[in-house]
Amino acid sequence: MPKVKTKSGAKKRFKLTGTGKIKRKHAFKSHILTKKETKQKRNLTHMGLVDKSDENNVKHMLNI
């Protein structure tokens, strides 16, 4: 049987923490930033964690 490939989009977007949680970036921070408040842009800068309900899907994409 061939090796199972990791989804290349997922490996660019997610990282594992030491405790096994999955880190992610916030959306809406890539373009059209002129109409967004400074506070909103600053809060979107920080990394977040993937929600519990989505963890299994992300782990399946990462083959964890």
Protein backbone atom coordinates (compact mmCIF):
# COMPACT_ATOMS: atom_id res chain seq x y z
CA MET A 1 0.00 0.00 0.00
CA PRO A 2 1.31 3.52 -0.77
CA LYS A 3 2.10 6.07 1.90
CA VAL A 4 -0.72 8.39 2.97
CA LYS A 5 0.06 11.94 1.92
CA THR A 6 -0.46 14.95 4.16
CA LYS A 7 -2.71 17.69 2.74
CA SER A 8 -0.20 20.32 1.62
CA GLY A 9 -2.57 23.19 2.43
CA ALA A 10 -2.99 21.93 5.99
CA LYS A 11 0.73 21.52 6.68
CA LYS A 12 1.25 25.18 5.72
CA ARG A 13 -1.55 26.42 7.99
CA PHE A 14 -1.30 24.38 11.20
CA LYS A 15 1.42 23.58 13.75
CA LEU A 16 1.35 21.23 16.73
CA THR A 17 2.08 22.49 20.25
CA GLY A 18 4.06 20.49 22.78
CA THR A 19 0.88 19.35 24.50
CA GLY A 20 -0.69 18.13 21.23
CA LYS A 21 -3.01 21.05 20.55
CA ILE A 22 -3.10 22.61 17.08
CA LYS A 23 -2.10 26.25 16.52
CA ARG A 24 -3.59 28.32 13.72
CA LYS A 25 -3.54 31.88 12.41
CA HIS A 26 -6.59 34.11 12.38
CA ALA A 27 -8.41 34.84 9.15
CA PHE A 28 -9.07 38.32 7.66
CA LYS A 29 -5.49 39.58 8.15
CA SER A 30 -4.08 39.20 4.62
CA HIS A 31 -5.50 42.06 2.54
CA ILE A 32 -7.99 44.96 2.50
CA LEU A 33 -6.56 46.16 5.81
CA THR A 34 -7.29 49.87 5.30
CA LYS A 35 -10.95 49.59 6.28
CA LYS A 36 -10.24 47.53 9.44
CA GLU A 37 -9.68 49.11 12.83
CA THR A 38 -6.18 49.03 14.30
CA LYS A 39 -7.51 47.14 17.31
CA GLN A 40 -9.04 44.46 15.08
CA LYS A 41 -5.81 44.02 13.11
CA ARG A 42 -3.77 43.81 16.32
CA ASN A 43 -6.06 41.14 17.79
CA LEU A 44 -5.89 39.09 14.58
CA THR A 45 -2.08 39.04 14.78
CA HIS A 46 -1.96 36.56 17.68
CA MET A 47 -2.04 32.81 17.08
CA GLY A 48 -5.14 30.91 18.11
CA LEU A 49 -5.99 27.27 18.75
CA VAL A 50 -8.16 25.04 16.62
CA ASP A 51 -11.55 24.40 18.25
CA LYS A 52 -12.22 21.00 19.82
CA SER A 53 -14.94 20.23 17.28
CA ASP A 54 -12.54 20.77 14.36
CA GLU A 55 -9.48 19.03 15.85
CA ASN A 56 -10.29 15.58 14.45
CA ASN A 57 -10.69 16.95 10.91
CA VAL A 58 -7.38 18.82 11.08
CA LYS A 59 -5.56 15.83 12.55
CA HIS A 60 -6.95 13.68 9.73
CA MET A 61 -5.58 16.18 7.17
CA LEU A 62 -2.19 16.14 8.90
CA ASN A 63 -2.19 12.33 9.32
CA ILE A 64 -1.67 12.53 13.08
